[in-house]
Every structure is written in structure tokens, then in C-alpha cells.
């Protein structure tokens, strides 16, 4: 009986001291079956979603830091960041990071025993970079995120606001908004916060031109020029059909870009097609008035990339007796905008 009493006493003491010992863990000790993550900056409310590869990178930066519980802390300190690891939109583990040494986990305060949390690395996560194609650059900057970017899943159009002296050319020289051209590829750095409107909205820290696409911007310039010609033909239209069947040097993505840009500029629906295809589809009856829209056709297009000169034919058609065009169009980029000359204009 005495032996059982001694054993029981030893067990009781062991349990008592185990309960009083400080809890220690590393992230690698926890259930971290995650598919993505989100980090939030508590001071601004901005957050950055991270896909699995980036989330894994953040996890690897933190997983070997040992944290020990601070049991004598009276109050929980205010966090700088909240880091949430998720699996299919469900949070699996969440941490509030106070400073380089202290975190909050499950409402308990822990401090790092060995390594420290790299706050500079976490702050850099809010400098999100993505590439986009310029749709519009006049009074505001409108872009389309490139294929494969997470921003494209948020919206196919994003209005970008920015501060003075944050627009740069490829050499890093400060430029004005009017020096950007539709079709340009730009690199945008922002804080990761996307306003859920349509178009979506972001505030950029910098916008840098990576590549000019003068071919696309020249085509948009001649399309706009013919659109403005004989403006009465545009009365009450709700769609523009672009006949780009002869633009064989453009990729399908570039043709899609033309459609999107034209639709945004004139606030109408757009599609590609030829007059013959519209008749065959029953959209038009042959030799009749196009009640809902106009057809803009580009022909014989040749672009000189060295001189930034486009030569082509262009026409706008609404009916056999309502059309205008020129088979001899020259568009020349002068460093700021496109100068367009149309020779031998015809009207029907």
C-alpha cells in the first residue's frame, strides 16, 4: 500500500511540474496542411493573399523558430501582422506577430528562443508586383493584368492610382501618364490591396514600362480616327464589330486586347467578324442598314517597328449608303502621340 502511495505521489508531482512548464513549439510541430495563406497589416487593414508556392516560402522562413510561452504576461500586446495559413478557404493556423521576438498564438503570448522573425521580409510581402497591359492612359490609367497573374482572377480591368513621380520608362526615367500608350506592358508595384469594384482599383507605389507595343497602339489610333469620322454613323449604336481578318501578324491575345480596349473606349459591346459572317449568322440582312452597330475594318496593315509607322486601309460601315474609309492611311508616332494622314477618302 505504501509503495502505491509513493508511486502516486511521484506521478502527481510529475504532472504538477509538467503543467507548470512553459510550452514550446515550432511551426513545423503543428498541423500545417495548407494550400495558401494571407498576411494582414493591422495598422492599415491591407492584406496580401499568397498562393501555395509563396505561402510555402513564408512557412519555410518561420518553421524552425522555437517559441516559448510567456506565462507571466498580464496583457496581450498589439500585433503588427496577422498571418493565416489556409486550406481551401478554411484557416488551419493563425498567428499574430508583434515584433521580431514575440507572437500571439491561440491567445497566448510566445517569445522566440533562438532565431527572430524577419519583419523586413514580411513587410516586403506587401510590395506585390505584377505585369499588365495598358488599356487607357489619359486622365487615368486602366490596365489588364497579364495571363497567369493572381490580379487577373480579381478583375480583367484595374484602375491604377499613383502619386507624382512614380511612373517610369524602361530606363528608370520619370515620365508622365500621357507618355504611356495602349498596348504597353508595365510592371506595377502596389500594397496588395484590391478594391472590389468594376473595374477593380489599386493604389500603386510605382509603374514602370517594360515593353512598348506601338503596333497595337497604332491600330487603336487609326480605329479611333475612323470612329470620329462622320460621327453621325455612330448614332445609337450598342456594338462595334472589328473586322481584323487581315491582321495576320497579330496574336489571338492581341486581337482580344483590341476588342477589350475598343469596348471600353466607346462603352459598347465588341466582337470580331466580317460583313459576310454577319450576314451568314443572320445578324445582318444583305445590303441593309446595321441597326445595332457598325463594322470597322482594317486592311493591308504593315507596321515598321523601327520607325513606328503603320500603313493600312481603314473603313467604317453601317449600310451600303452609310460608310466611310480610306485605302491609304499612314500613322506616325512622334514620341507623344500618333499623327494620322488619310489619303483618297471615300464616302458612300
Foldseek 3Di string as FASTA:
>chain_A
DVVVVVVVVVVVVVVVVVVVAWDKFFQVVFPQPFQWKKKAFVVVRAMATGGRVVRVVLCVLGRPWMKTFDPPDPADDDAGMKMFGHHPPHTPFIWGHRDQFWIAGPNTIIGTDDGTRDVVVVQCSQFDKFKWFWLDFDPWTKTATDPPDPVNVLDRIETEAEDAQQEEEQVRDGDHSLLAAGGWMKMFTFRNGWDRDVVIYTYTHHIYTDGHDLVLRQVVVVQVVQCPPPVVLFPQAQEEEEACVAVVVDDPVSVVSSQVSVCVVVVHHYYYDDPVVCCVVVCDPPQDFNVHGKYKYWAPWDADPVQSKIWTWIKIDGGPQAIKIAGTKIWGDPSRGTDIDGPPIDHD
